[in-house]
Amino acid sequence: MTVDDTTSGAGAQPPSGPSVHATPHHEVDHTAEPTDDPLAIRLEQLILGADRRYTPFQAARTAGVSMDLASRFWRAMGFADIGQAKALTEADVLALRRLAGLVEAGLLSEPMAIQVARSTGQTTARLAEWQIDSFLEGLTEPPEPGMTRTEVTYPLIELLLPELQEFLVYVWRRQLAAATGRVVQAADDEEMVDRRLAVGFADLVGFTRLTRRLEEEELGELVEAFETTSADLVAAHGGRLIKTLGDEVLFAADDAGTAAEIALRLIEAMTQDETMPALRVGIAFGTVTTRMGDVFGTTVNLASRLTSIAPKDAVLVDGAFAEELTRTGDAPASEAQAAEEAAVAEKERQEGMEPTAAPTYRYGLQPMWQRPVRGLGVVEPWLLARRGTS
């Protein structure tokens, strides 16, 4: 069973989910046989809450959808093709029926329903892999002597499943509320998709050399510490972590001041940790296209380029970001301006006048040499620092 659709979903490939793989030139059968391991089947039944009953064709027919649409839904969710093995459950049928029902009701277009399936599959696949790895890794002693890690999995999942399910729904609702709030506060419909954001990359310096020097376990611990620290700092100061790439994180913020604070705190946190390599950060401000939780466009590309040329333990920003910081009063247009404002206030104080309150700037900006940036022409970077440290 194949369909000619070259867009492939990403994520884990559990035995219970079918999908279809094809090339743009000819059909290729990449059928994967469902597991017949007894423990794996018991775990599947525990997690899905149902037994295997349907082949993919039977599931599609029972859900009242075409085989073509069912195949695209399953592949978008990231599941491997199982041919016509009887490996699907009532839960698979219900999921198909719900997605198809949203399309039939006109609430979602068919392409949007497939995007929903793909984004959900990609996100939850990574979450599931991480959870299983973490929970089993932390289980240093089996509950009974002689039990293998595989045998420990069933009772562990049995205990955790209901709690994790409730927590997942809670966090999802919280995130949905936050995302919806940002949308309704947008100035116009166009801003909901193409928004002006501050986008930043934080990159560990010399990571490739570290991969050759450190053991796998040490490298994993370093990456986890970096990602955890970054995620916590970004969230705590009002930004959004878009994605992590091992030695690099991508974050976004609605305003330049928030992004500046996040960037400088990331640098400060990493420099205080002797186990961490140096960090460099690049930030750009401008129009950004958002799709499925990711960000795209020239602004994102510029932030990436700035990161690659930033000095160690420093933050480099583009001219638009510097201008935005100045506009909002977070940084002076120049150090000369800040000094002049302070001198005026001091003179008024000495003359017994009510001194004009000098602005309190949080950040300083130092212009750097203009330089060509691949694919983006000539840019003028600015070095960002806290006031008094530039």
Foldseek 3Di string as FASTA:
>chain_A
DADQDQDFFAFDAALQFAAHHQDNPDGDDPADARDPPPLSQVQVCLQVVWHQDFFLVRLCVLLPHDSVLLRLLRRLLPYYHHDGDRRYGVVSSVVSNVLVVCCVVVVDPSVVSSLVNRLVSHVVRVVVVVVVVVVLVPCPDAPDPPDDSSNSVVVVCNVCVVVVVVVVVVVVVVVVVVLVVVQVPDPDPVCNFWNKKKKKKKFAPPLVVVVVVDDPVLLVVQLVVLVVVLCVLQVVLAKAWLDDDSRMTMIIHRALVSVLSSLLVSLVVQVVDPVGGWMEMFIETGIWGDDSSHIDDPRNVRRVQQRVPGDTSWYKYFPVSVVRCCVVLQEPPAVVVLVVLVVQQVVCVVVVHNGDDRRDHQKYWAWDDWDQGPPPGITIMITIDGPPPD
